[in-house]
Amino acid sequence: MFISSAFAQTAPAAAGGDMQSSMMSMLPLVLMFVVLYFVMIRPQMKKQKEHKAMIDSITKGDEVVTAGGVLGKVSKLGDSYIGLEVANGVEIQVQRSAVVQVLPKGTFK
């Protein structure tokens, strides 16, 4: 009696603006991916490329450090393994990918 029925008004239909609003809502996602690429992905790919070049340039007699912290002089070279002389007469084999740094000559005695 005292309360009248309330009816919701329908919003006027947007003419052609629906596509534009969907593109604007995707813009932050695209911008986040671009920032992620330049901040994380690209530097990591560059670092991997440099590491691969260092691994491929290892020669016999180089002094290297492995991922485990072992220092040694390269005595044998293989396709995927290298022989490291860690002391006089003591040689170990490690994977090439385990080498993290090539030291200047004369560092390891």
PDB file of N, CA and C in Angstrom:
ATOM      1  N   MET A   1       0.789  -1.184   0.000  1.00  0.00           N
ATOM      2  CA  MET A   1       0.000   0.000   0.000  1.00  0.00           C
ATOM      3  C   MET A   1       0.843   1.265   0.000  1.00  0.00           C
ATOM      4  N   PHE A   2       1.715   1.371   1.022  1.00  0.00           N
ATOM      5  CA  PHE A   2       2.505   2.585   1.104  1.00  0.00           C
ATOM      6  C   PHE A   2       3.815   2.509   0.307  1.00  0.00           C
ATOM      7  N   ILE A   3       4.234   1.295   0.029  1.00  0.00           N
ATOM      8  CA  ILE A   3       5.513   1.126  -0.672  1.00  0.00           C
ATOM      9  C   ILE A   3       5.214   0.860  -2.133  1.00  0.00           C
ATOM     10  N   SER A   4       5.758   1.709  -2.988  1.00  0.00           N
ATOM     11  CA  SER A   4       5.542   1.500  -4.417  1.00  0.00           C
ATOM     12  C   SER A   4       6.641   0.590  -4.955  1.00  0.00           C
ATOM     13  N   SER A   5       6.385  -0.065  -6.007  1.00  0.00           N
ATOM     14  CA  SER A   5       7.355  -0.967  -6.623  1.00  0.00           C
ATOM     15  C   SER A   5       8.469  -0.144  -7.262  1.00  0.00           C
ATOM     16  N   ALA A   6       9.716  -0.590  -7.050  1.00  0.00           N
ATOM     17  CA  ALA A   6      10.874   0.085  -7.639  1.00  0.00           C
ATOM     18  C   ALA A   6      11.376  -0.748  -8.805  1.00  0.00           C
ATOM     19  N   PHE A   7      11.587  -0.122  -9.901  1.00  0.00           N
ATOM     20  CA  PHE A   7      12.094  -0.809 -11.084  1.00  0.00           C
ATOM     21  C   PHE A   7      13.453  -0.206 -11.445  1.00  0.00           C
ATOM     22  N   ALA A   8      14.408  -1.089 -11.730  1.00  0.00           N
ATOM     23  CA  ALA A   8      15.747  -0.623 -12.114  1.00  0.00           C
ATOM     24  C   ALA A   8      15.711  -0.133 -13.544  1.00  0.00           C
ATOM     25  N   GLN A   9      16.401   0.957 -13.759  1.00  0.00           N
ATOM     26  CA  GLN A   9      16.480   1.470 -15.115  1.00  0.00           C
ATOM     27  C   GLN A   9      17.593   0.744 -15.854  1.00  0.00           C
ATOM     28  N   THR A  10      17.387   0.485 -17.090  1.00  0.00           N
ATOM     29  CA  THR A  10      18.424  -0.154 -17.889  1.00  0.00           C
ATOM     30  C   THR A  10      19.353   0.928 -18.416  1.00  0.00           C
ATOM     31  N   ALA A  11      20.639   0.585 -18.479  1.00  0.00           N
ATOM     32  CA  ALA A  11      21.631   1.541 -18.973  1.00  0.00           C
ATOM     33  C   ALA A  11      21.504   1.630 -20.482  1.00  0.00           C
ATOM     34  N   PRO A  12      21.730   2.802 -21.021  1.00  0.00           N
ATOM     35  CA  PRO A  12      21.672   2.931 -22.478  1.00  0.00           C
ATOM     36  C   PRO A  12      22.811   2.142 -23.114  1.00  0.00           C
ATOM     37  N   ALA A  13      22.553   1.521 -24.230  1.00  0.00           N
ATOM     38  CA  ALA A  13      23.539   0.700 -24.920  1.00  0.00           C
ATOM     39  C   ALA A  13      24.639   1.582 -25.484  1.00  0.00           C
ATOM     40  N   ALA A  14      25.893   1.153 -25.285  1.00  0.00           N
ATOM     41  CA  ALA A  14      27.028   1.905 -25.820  1.00  0.00           C
ATOM     42  C   ALA A  14      27.158   1.585 -27.301  1.00  0.00           C
ATOM     43  N   ALA A  15      27.373   2.592 -28.088  1.00  0.00           N
ATOM     44  CA  ALA A  15      27.464   2.406 -29.528  1.00  0.00           C
ATOM     45  C   ALA A  15      28.925   2.264 -29.931  1.00  0.00           C
ATOM     46  N   GLY A  16      29.415   1.024 -30.116  1.00  0.00           N
ATOM     47  CA  GLY A  16      30.772   0.785 -30.589  1.00  0.00           C
ATOM     48  C   GLY A  16      31.849   0.933 -29.532  1.00  0.00           C
ATOM     49  N   GLY A  17      31.572   1.281 -28.334  1.00  0.00           N
ATOM     50  CA  GLY A  17      32.579   1.492 -27.299  1.00  0.00           C
ATOM     51  C   GLY A  17      32.948   0.221 -26.560  1.00  0.00           C
ATOM     52  N   ASP A  18      32.259  -0.868 -26.828  1.00  0.00           N
ATOM     53  CA  ASP A  18      32.515  -2.125 -26.122  1.00  0.00           C
ATOM     54  C   ASP A  18      33.880  -2.690 -26.484  1.00  0.00           C
ATOM     55  N   MET A  19      34.275  -2.630 -27.727  1.00  0.00           N
ATOM     56  CA  MET A  19      35.568  -3.152 -28.171  1.00  0.00           C
ATOM     57  C   MET A  19      36.703  -2.334 -27.582  1.00  0.00           C
ATOM     58  N   GLN A  20      36.521  -1.053 -27.531  1.00  0.00           N
ATOM     59  CA  GLN A  20      37.549  -0.167 -26.999  1.00  0.00           C
ATOM     60  C   GLN A  20      37.754  -0.400 -25.503  1.00  0.00           C
ATOM     61  N   SER A  21      36.697  -0.623 -24.770  1.00  0.00           N
ATOM     62  CA  SER A  21      36.832  -0.841 -23.333  1.00  0.00           C
ATOM     63  C   SER A  21      37.511  -2.176 -23.037  1.00  0.00           C
ATOM     64  N   SER A  22      37.273  -3.184 -23.862  1.00  0.00           N
ATOM     65  CA  SER A  22      37.934  -4.474 -23.649  1.00  0.00           C
ATOM     66  C   SER A  22      39.429  -4.364 -23.955  1.00  0.00           C
ATOM     67  N   MET A  23      39.794  -3.564 -24.944  1.00  0.00           N
ATOM     68  CA  MET A  23      41.212  -3.360 -25.254  1.00  0.00           C
ATOM     69  C   MET A  23      41.906  -2.585 -24.132  1.00  0.00           C
ATOM     70  N   MET A  24      41.208  -1.616 -23.566  1.00  0.00           N
ATOM     71  CA  MET A  24      41.787  -0.841 -22.472  1.00  0.00           C
ATOM     72  C   MET A  24      41.945  -1.684 -21.214  1.00  0.00           C
ATOM     73  N   SER A  25      41.091  -2.663 -21.025  1.00  0.00           N
ATOM     74  CA  SER A  25      41.219  -3.514 -19.849  1.00  0.00           C
ATOM     75  C   SER A  25      42.381  -4.499 -20.005  1.00  0.00           C
ATOM     76  N   MET A  26      42.796  -4.816 -21.224  1.00  0.00           N
ATOM     77  CA  MET A  26      43.926  -5.714 -21.454  1.00  0.00           C
ATOM     78  C   MET A  26      45.262  -4.980 -21.449  1.00  0.00           C
ATOM     79  N   LEU A  27      45.236  -3.667 -21.561  1.00  0.00           N
ATOM     80  CA  LEU A  27      46.457  -2.878 -21.628  1.00  0.00           C
ATOM     81  C   LEU A  27      47.375  -3.070 -20.410  1.00  0.00           C
ATOM     82  N   PRO A  28      46.895  -3.071 -19.179  1.00  0.00           N
ATOM     83  CA  PRO A  28      47.806  -3.301 -18.036  1.00  0.00           C
ATOM     84  C   PRO A  28      48.481  -4.676 -18.080  1.00  0.00           C
ATOM     85  N   LEU A  29      47.766  -5.687 -18.540  1.00  0.00           N
ATOM     86  CA  LEU A  29      48.342  -7.029 -18.639  1.00  0.00           C
ATOM     87  C   LEU A  29      49.468  -7.050 -19.666  1.00  0.00           C
ATOM     88  N   VAL A  30      49.252  -6.410 -20.796  1.00  0.00           N
ATOM     89  CA  VAL A  30      50.274  -6.353 -21.837  1.00  0.00           C
ATOM     90  C   VAL A  30      51.485  -5.558 -21.340  1.00  0.00           C
ATOM     91  N   LEU A  31      51.252  -4.449 -20.667  1.00  0.00           N
ATOM     92  CA  LEU A  31      52.357  -3.651 -20.139  1.00  0.00           C
ATOM     93  C   LEU A  31      53.161  -4.412 -19.086  1.00  0.00           C
ATOM     94  N   MET A  32      52.479  -5.189 -18.259  1.00  0.00           N
ATOM     95  CA  MET A  32      53.198  -5.994 -17.251  1.00  0.00           C
ATOM     96  C   MET A  32      54.078  -7.035 -17.926  1.00  0.00           C
ATOM     97  N   PHE A  33      53.605  -7.656 -19.004  1.00  0.00           N
ATOM     98  CA  PHE A  33      54.408  -8.649 -19.709  1.00  0.00           C
ATOM     99  C   PHE A  33      55.629  -7.997 -20.350  1.00  0.00           C
ATOM    100  N   VAL A  34      55.467  -6.809 -20.916  1.00  0.00           N
ATOM    101  CA  VAL A  34      56.595  -6.104 -21.533  1.00  0.00           C
ATOM    102  C   VAL A  34      57.645  -5.761 -20.479  1.00  0.00           C
ATOM    103  N   VAL A  35      57.223  -5.271 -19.338  1.00  0.00           N
ATOM    104  CA  VAL A  35      58.162  -4.954 -18.254  1.00  0.00           C
ATOM    105  C   VAL A  35      58.844  -6.227 -17.753  1.00  0.00           C
ATOM    106  N   LEU A  36      58.098  -7.305 -17.602  1.00  0.00           N
ATOM    107  CA  LEU A  36      58.668  -8.584 -17.168  1.00  0.00           C
ATOM    108  C   LEU A  36      59.722  -9.059 -18.150  1.00  0.00           C
ATOM    109  N   TYR A  37      59.474  -8.904 -19.439  1.00  0.00           N
ATOM    110  CA  TYR A  37      60.429  -9.331 -20.456  1.00  0.00           C
ATOM    111  C   TYR A  37      61.742  -8.564 -20.323  1.00  0.00           C
ATOM    112  N   PHE A  38      61.660  -7.236 -20.203  1.00  0.00           N
ATOM    113  CA  PHE A  38      62.878  -6.445 -20.159  1.00  0.00           C
ATOM    114  C   PHE A  38      63.596  -6.506 -18.817  1.00  0.00           C
ATOM    115  N   VAL A  39      62.885  -6.805 -17.739  1.00  0.00           N
ATOM    116  CA  VAL A  39      63.509  -6.828 -16.422  1.00  0.00           C
ATOM    117  C   VAL A  39      64.034  -8.215 -16.054  1.00  0.00           C
ATOM    118  N   MET A  40      63.336  -9.274 -16.462  1.00  0.00           N
ATOM    119  CA  MET A  40      63.725 -10.619 -16.026  1.00  0.00           C
ATOM    120  C   MET A  40      64.166 -11.543 -17.157  1.00  0.00           C
ATOM    121  N   ILE A  41      63.387 -11.659 -18.195  1.00  0.00           N
ATOM    122  CA  ILE A  41      63.642 -12.671 -19.213  1.00  0.00           C
ATOM    123  C   ILE A  41      64.862 -12.332 -20.067  1.00  0.00           C
ATOM    124  N   ARG A  42      64.941 -11.119 -20.551  1.00  0.00           N
ATOM    125  CA  ARG A  42      66.037 -10.726 -21.434  1.00  0.00           C
ATOM    126  C   ARG A  42      67.402 -10.796 -20.744  1.00  0.00           C
ATOM    127  N   PRO A  43      67.568 -10.286 -19.512  1.00  0.00           N
ATOM    128  CA  PRO A  43      68.876 -10.419 -18.845  1.00  0.00           C
ATOM    129  C   PRO A  43      69.269 -11.879 -18.577  1.00  0.00           C
ATOM    130  N   GLN A  44      68.283 -12.721 -18.264  1.00  0.00           N
ATOM    131  CA  GLN A  44      68.584 -14.126 -18.020  1.00  0.00           C
ATOM    132  C   GLN A  44      69.068 -14.805 -19.298  1.00  0.00           C
ATOM    133  N   MET A  45      68.453 -14.495 -20.426  1.00  0.00           N
ATOM    134  CA  MET A  45      68.880 -15.075 -21.698  1.00  0.00           C
ATOM    135  C   MET A  45      70.295 -14.612 -22.051  1.00  0.00           C
ATOM    136  N   LYS A  46      70.603 -13.358 -21.757  1.00  0.00           N
ATOM    137  CA  LYS A  46      71.940 -12.828 -22.021  1.00  0.00           C
ATOM    138  C   LYS A  46      72.983 -13.538 -21.146  1.00  0.00           C
ATOM    139  N   LYS A  47      72.637 -13.768 -19.892  1.00  0.00           N
ATOM    140  CA  LYS A  47      73.547 -14.453 -18.971  1.00  0.00           C
ATOM    141  C   LYS A  47      73.800 -15.893 -19.417  1.00  0.00           C
ATOM    142  N   GLN A  48      72.758 -16.588 -19.870  1.00  0.00           N
ATOM    143  CA  GLN A  48      72.914 -17.954 -20.368  1.00  0.00           C
ATOM    144  C   GLN A  48      73.812 -17.986 -21.600  1.00  0.00           C
ATOM    145  N   LYS A  49      73.659 -17.014 -22.476  1.00  0.00           N
ATOM    146  CA  LYS A  49      74.464 -16.943 -23.690  1.00  0.00           C
ATOM    147  C   LYS A  49      75.936 -16.740 -23.343  1.00  0.00           C
ATOM    148  N   GLU A  50      76.224 -15.857 -22.389  1.00  0.00           N
ATOM    149  CA  GLU A  50      77.605 -15.611 -21.961  1.00  0.00           C
ATOM    150  C   GLU A  50      78.208 -16.856 -21.313  1.00  0.00           C
ATOM    151  N   HIS A  51      77.418 -17.573 -20.498  1.00  0.00           N
ATOM    152  CA  HIS A  51      77.910 -18.784 -19.840  1.00  0.00           C
ATOM    153  C   HIS A  51      78.230 -19.856 -20.868  1.00  0.00           C
ATOM    154  N   LYS A  52      77.385 -20.016 -21.875  1.00  0.00           N
ATOM    155  CA  LYS A  52      77.634 -21.007 -22.915  1.00  0.00           C
ATOM    156  C   LYS A  52      78.900 -20.664 -23.689  1.00  0.00           C
ATOM    157  N   ALA A  53      79.116 -19.386 -23.988  1.00  0.00           N
ATOM    158  CA  ALA A  53      80.331 -18.972 -24.693  1.00  0.00           C
ATOM    159  C   ALA A  53      81.569 -19.254 -23.839  1.00  0.00           C
ATOM    160  N   MET A  54      81.476 -19.031 -22.521  1.00  0.00           N
ATOM    161  CA  MET A  54      82.601 -19.303 -21.632  1.00  0.00           C
ATOM    162  C   MET A  54      82.898 -20.807 -21.587  1.00  0.00           C
ATOM    163  N   ILE A  55      81.857 -21.624 -21.506  1.00  0.00           N
ATOM    164  CA  ILE A  55      82.035 -23.086 -21.456  1.00  0.00           C
ATOM    165  C   ILE A  55      82.687 -23.587 -22.737  1.00  0.00           C
ATOM    166  N   ASP A  56      82.255 -23.051 -23.875  1.00  0.00           N
ATOM    167  CA  ASP A  56      82.798 -23.497 -25.157  1.00  0.00           C
ATOM    168  C   ASP A  56      84.237 -23.054 -25.366  1.00  0.00           C
ATOM    169  N   SER A  57      84.673 -21.987 -24.695  1.00  0.00           N
ATOM    170  CA  SER A  57      86.024 -21.464 -24.892  1.00  0.00           C
ATOM    171  C   SER A  57      87.052 -22.053 -23.926  1.00  0.00           C
ATOM    172  N   ILE A  58      86.650 -22.989 -23.072  1.00  0.00           N
ATOM    173  CA  ILE A  58      87.595 -23.603 -22.125  1.00  0.00           C
ATOM    174  C   ILE A  58      88.620 -24.420 -22.903  1.00  0.00           C
ATOM    175  N   THR A  59      89.888 -24.207 -22.569  1.00  0.00           N
ATOM    176  CA  THR A  59      90.973 -24.968 -23.200  1.00  0.00           C
ATOM    177  C   THR A  59      91.793 -25.678 -22.135  1.00  0.00           C
ATOM    178  N   LYS A  60      92.627 -26.594 -22.574  1.00  0.00           N
ATOM    179  CA  LYS A  60      93.493 -27.345 -21.658  1.00  0.00           C
ATOM    180  C   LYS A  60      94.480 -26.370 -21.011  1.00  0.00           C
ATOM    181  N   GLY A  61      94.603 -26.450 -19.687  1.00  0.00           N
ATOM    182  CA  GLY A  61      95.496 -25.571 -18.943  1.00  0.00           C
ATOM    183  C   GLY A  61      94.787 -24.406 -18.283  1.00  0.00           C
ATOM    184  N   ASP A  62      93.513 -24.177 -18.610  1.00  0.00           N
ATOM    185  CA  ASP A  62      92.759 -23.106 -17.958  1.00  0.00           C
ATOM    186  C   ASP A  62      92.506 -23.457 -16.500  1.00  0.00           C
ATOM    187  N   GLU A  63      92.450 -22.450 -15.665  1.00  0.00           N
ATOM    188  CA  GLU A  63      92.128 -22.639 -14.248  1.00  0.00           C
ATOM    189  C   GLU A  63      90.685 -22.210 -14.048  1.00  0.00           C
ATOM    190  N   VAL A  64      89.882 -23.107 -13.461  1.00  0.00           N
ATOM    191  CA  VAL A  64      88.439 -22.876 -13.373  1.00  0.00           C
ATOM    192  C   VAL A  64      87.930 -23.123 -11.959  1.00  0.00           C
ATOM    193  N   VAL A  65      86.723 -22.597 -11.705  1.00  0.00           N
ATOM    194  CA  VAL A  65      86.000 -22.845 -10.459  1.00  0.00           C
ATOM    195  C   VAL A  65      84.693 -23.517 -10.834  1.00  0.00           C
ATOM    196  N   THR A  66      84.335 -24.584 -10.115  1.00  0.00           N
ATOM    197  CA  THR A  66      83.083 -25.278 -10.384  1.00  0.00           C
ATOM    198  C   THR A  66      81.973 -24.730  -9.494  1.00  0.00           C
ATOM    199  N   ALA A  67      80.755 -25.182  -9.763  1.00  0.00           N
ATOM    200  CA  ALA A  67      79.602 -24.743  -8.976  1.00  0.00           C
ATOM    201  C   ALA A  67      79.724 -25.175  -7.515  1.00  0.00           C
ATOM    202  N   GLY A  68      80.447 -26.247  -7.249  1.00  0.00           N
ATOM    203  CA  GLY A  68      80.641 -26.723  -5.886  1.00  0.00           C
ATOM    204  C   GLY A  68      81.773 -26.018  -5.161  1.00  0.00           C
ATOM    205  N   GLY A  69      82.487 -25.127  -5.859  1.00  0.00           N
ATOM    206  CA  GLY A  69      83.568 -24.388  -5.228  1.00  0.00           C
ATOM    207  C   GLY A  69      84.929 -25.031  -5.390  1.00  0.00           C
ATOM    208  N   VAL A  70      85.030 -26.058  -6.217  1.00  0.00           N
ATOM    209  CA  VAL A  70      86.302 -26.747  -6.430  1.00  0.00           C
ATOM    210  C   VAL A  70      87.129 -25.969  -7.454  1.00  0.00           C
ATOM    211  N   LEU A  71      88.393 -25.685  -7.101  1.00  0.00           N
ATOM    212  CA  LEU A  71      89.308 -25.020  -8.017  1.00  0.00           C
ATOM    213  C   LEU A  71      90.218 -26.060  -8.627  1.00  0.00           C
ATOM    214  N   GLY A  72      90.508 -25.919  -9.906  1.00  0.00           N
ATOM    215  CA  GLY A  72      91.394 -26.870 -10.554  1.00  0.00           C
ATOM    216  C   GLY A  72      91.859 -26.382 -11.901  1.00  0.00           C
ATOM    217  N   LYS A  73      92.827 -27.124 -12.445  1.00  0.00           N
ATOM    218  CA  LYS A  73      93.377 -26.823 -13.758  1.00  0.00           C
ATOM    219  C   LYS A  73      92.854 -27.876 -14.727  1.00  0.00           C
ATOM    220  N   VAL A  74      92.380 -27.442 -15.868  1.00  0.00           N
ATOM    221  CA  VAL A  74      91.813 -28.360 -16.862  1.00  0.00           C
ATOM    222  C   VAL A  74      92.935 -29.204 -17.439  1.00  0.00           C
ATOM    223  N   SER A  75      92.783 -30.540 -17.316  1.00  0.00           N
ATOM    224  CA  SER A  75      93.799 -31.449 -17.837  1.00  0.00           C
ATOM    225  C   SER A  75      93.289 -32.259 -19.020  1.00  0.00           C
ATOM    226  N   LYS A  76      91.992 -32.492 -19.098  1.00  0.00           N
ATOM    227  CA  LYS A  76      91.397 -33.244 -20.207  1.00  0.00           C
ATOM    228  C   LYS A  76      90.112 -32.552 -20.629  1.00  0.00           C
ATOM    229  N   LEU A  77      89.840 -32.604 -21.921  1.00  0.00           N
ATOM    230  CA  LEU A  77      88.616 -32.025 -22.449  1.00  0.00           C
ATOM    231  C   LEU A  77      87.795 -33.100 -23.150  1.00  0.00           C
ATOM    232  N   GLY A  78      86.518 -33.128 -22.866  1.00  0.00           N
ATOM    233  CA  GLY A  78      85.589 -34.009 -23.554  1.00  0.00           C
ATOM    234  C   GLY A  78      84.411 -33.196 -24.055  1.00  0.00           C
ATOM    235  N   ASP A  79      83.453 -33.882 -24.662  1.00  0.00           N
ATOM    236  CA  ASP A  79      82.282 -33.169 -25.169  1.00  0.00           C
ATOM    237  C   ASP A  79      81.437 -32.598 -24.036  1.00  0.00           C
ATOM    238  N   SER A  80      81.175 -33.418 -23.010  1.00  0.00           N
ATOM    239  CA  SER A  80      80.325 -32.942 -21.918  1.00  0.00           C
ATOM    240  C   SER A  80      81.030 -32.977 -20.566  1.00  0.00           C
ATOM    241  N   TYR A  81      82.220 -33.558 -20.506  1.00  0.00           N
ATOM    242  CA  TYR A  81      82.970 -33.621 -19.249  1.00  0.00           C
ATOM    243  C   TYR A  81      84.364 -33.057 -19.445  1.00  0.00           C
ATOM    244  N   ILE A  82      84.933 -32.531 -18.357  1.00  0.00           N
ATOM    245  CA  ILE A  82      86.326 -32.088 -18.364  1.00  0.00           C
ATOM    246  C   ILE A  82      87.034 -32.718 -17.180  1.00  0.00           C
ATOM    247  N   GLY A  83      88.317 -32.953 -17.335  1.00  0.00           N
ATOM    248  CA  GLY A  83      89.135 -33.459 -16.240  1.00  0.00           C
ATOM    249  C   GLY A  83      89.813 -32.295 -15.543  1.00  0.00           C
ATOM    250  N   LEU A  84      89.663 -32.230 -14.230  1.00  0.00           N
ATOM    251  CA  LEU A  84      90.281 -31.162 -13.445  1.00  0.00           C
ATOM    252  C   LEU A  84      91.372 -31.747 -12.555  1.00  0.00           C
ATOM    253  N   GLU A  85      92.536 -31.165 -12.626  1.00  0.00           N
ATOM    254  CA  GLU A  85      93.600 -31.552 -11.713  1.00  0.00           C
ATOM    255  C   GLU A  85      93.508 -30.613 -10.513  1.00  0.00           C
ATOM    256  N   VAL A  86      93.089 -31.161  -9.359  1.00  0.00           N
ATOM    257  CA  VAL A  86      92.877 -30.347  -8.166  1.00  0.00           C
ATOM    258  C   VAL A  86      94.102 -30.336  -7.249  1.00  0.00           C
ATOM    259  N   ALA A  87      94.990 -31.307  -7.420  1.00  0.00           N
ATOM    260  CA  ALA A  87      96.259 -31.369  -6.692  1.00  0.00           C
ATOM    261  C   ALA A  87      97.211 -32.184  -7.559  1.00  0.00           C
ATOM    262  N   ASN A  88      98.489 -32.240  -7.180  1.00  0.00           N
ATOM    263  CA  ASN A  88      99.447 -33.021  -7.959  1.00  0.00           C
ATOM    264  C   ASN A  88      99.025 -34.489  -7.972  1.00  0.00           C
ATOM    265  N   GLY A  89      98.726 -35.009  -9.158  1.00  0.00           N
ATOM    266  CA  GLY A  89      98.344 -36.411  -9.300  1.00  0.00           C
ATOM    267  C   GLY A  89      96.891 -36.709  -8.967  1.00  0.00           C
ATOM    268  N   VAL A  90      96.100 -35.736  -8.577  1.00  0.00           N
ATOM    269  CA  VAL A  90      94.685 -35.955  -8.244  1.00  0.00           C
ATOM    270  C   VAL A  90      93.827 -35.281  -9.315  1.00  0.00           C
ATOM    271  N   GLU A  91      93.075 -36.110 -10.021  1.00  0.00           N
ATOM    272  CA  GLU A  91      92.241 -35.589 -11.105  1.00  0.00           C
ATOM    273  C   GLU A  91      90.801 -36.039 -10.904  1.00  0.00           C
ATOM    274  N   ILE A  92      89.877 -35.121 -11.111  1.00  0.00           N
ATOM    275  CA  ILE A  92      88.451 -35.445 -11.024  1.00  0.00           C
ATOM    276  C   ILE A  92      87.789 -35.054 -12.342  1.00  0.00           C
ATOM    277  N   GLN A  93      86.655 -35.678 -12.596  1.00  0.00           N
ATOM    278  CA  GLN A  93      85.886 -35.323 -13.788  1.00  0.00           C
ATOM    279  C   GLN A  93      84.633 -34.580 -13.366  1.00  0.00           C
ATOM    280  N   VAL A  94      84.332 -33.491 -14.048  1.00  0.00           N
ATOM    281  CA  VAL A  94      83.125 -32.714 -13.788  1.00  0.00           C
ATOM    282  C   VAL A  94      82.458 -32.397 -15.120  1.00  0.00           C
ATOM    283  N   GLN A  95      81.184 -32.094 -15.049  1.00  0.00           N
ATOM    284  CA  GLN A  95      80.480 -31.683 -16.255  1.00  0.00           C
ATOM    285  C   GLN A  95      80.923 -30.286 -16.654  1.00  0.00           C
ATOM    286  N   ARG A  96      80.913 -30.040 -17.940  1.00  0.00           N
ATOM    287  CA  ARG A  96      81.295 -28.710 -18.423  1.00  0.00           C
ATOM    288  C   ARG A  96      80.369 -27.632 -17.856  1.00  0.00           C
ATOM    289  N   SER A  97      79.088 -27.959 -17.742  1.00  0.00           N
ATOM    290  CA  SER A  97      78.124 -26.966 -17.260  1.00  0.00           C
ATOM    291  C   SER A  97      78.333 -26.608 -15.795  1.00  0.00           C
ATOM    292  N   ALA A  98      79.121 -27.404 -15.059  1.00  0.00           N
ATOM    293  CA  ALA A  98      79.384 -27.117 -13.647  1.00  0.00           C
ATOM    294  C   ALA A  98      80.419 -26.014 -13.472  1.00  0.00           C
ATOM    295  N   VAL A  99      81.116 -25.666 -14.527  1.00  0.00           N
ATOM    296  CA  VAL A  99      82.119 -24.598 -14.451  1.00  0.00           C
ATOM    297  C   VAL A  99      81.404 -23.261 -14.413  1.00  0.00           C
ATOM    298  N   VAL A 100      81.695 -22.460 -13.396  1.00  0.00           N
ATOM    299  CA  VAL A 100      81.034 -21.164 -13.254  1.00  0.00           C
ATOM    300  C   VAL A 100      81.961 -19.991 -13.540  1.00  0.00           C
ATOM    301  N   GLN A 101      83.284 -20.226 -13.506  1.00  0.00           N
ATOM    302  CA  GLN A 101      84.203 -19.120 -13.719  1.00  0.00           C
ATOM    303  C   GLN A 101      85.528 -19.649 -14.215  1.00  0.00           C
ATOM    304  N   VAL A 102      86.126 -18.919 -15.139  1.00  0.00           N
ATOM    305  CA  VAL A 102      87.477 -19.197 -15.592  1.00  0.00           C
ATOM    306  C   VAL A 102      88.372 -18.155 -14.939  1.00  0.00           C
ATOM    307  N   LEU A 103      89.374 -18.633 -14.195  1.00  0.00           N
ATOM    308  CA  LEU A 103      90.266 -17.736 -13.453  1.00  0.00           C
ATOM    309  C   LEU A 103      91.427 -17.296 -14.329  1.00  0.00           C
ATOM    310  N   PRO A 104      92.038 -16.168 -14.002  1.00  0.00           N
ATOM    311  CA  PRO A 104      93.259 -15.748 -14.727  1.00  0.00           C
ATOM    312  C   PRO A 104      94.382 -16.761 -14.478  1.00  0.00           C
ATOM    313  N   LYS A 105      95.250 -16.902 -15.442  1.00  0.00           N
ATOM    314  CA  LYS A 105      96.378 -17.853 -15.323  1.00  0.00           C
ATOM    315  C   LYS A 105      97.236 -17.485 -14.110  1.00  0.00           C
ATOM    316  N   GLY A 106      97.657 -18.518 -13.354  1.00  0.00           N
ATOM    317  CA  GLY A 106      98.511 -18.310 -12.199  1.00  0.00           C
ATOM    318  C   GLY A 106      97.764 -18.098 -10.898  1.00  0.00           C
ATOM    319  N   THR A 107      96.442 -18.124 -10.921  1.00  0.00           N
ATOM    320  CA  THR A 107      95.666 -17.939  -9.697  1.00  0.00           C
ATOM    321  C   THR A 107      95.738 -19.169  -8.823  1.00  0.00           C
ATOM    322  N   PHE A 108      95.604 -20.325  -9.433  1.00  0.00           N
ATOM    323  CA  PHE A 108      95.602 -21.602  -8.709  1.00  0.00           C
ATOM    324  C   PHE A 108      96.979 -22.219  -8.828  1.00  0.00           C
ATOM    325  N   LYS A 109      97.577 -22.587  -7.679  1.00  0.00           N
ATOM    326  CA  LYS A 109      98.914 -23.171  -7.705  1.00  0.00           C
ATOM    327  C   LYS A 109      98.909 -24.582  -7.223  1.00  0.00           C
TER     328      LYS A 109
END
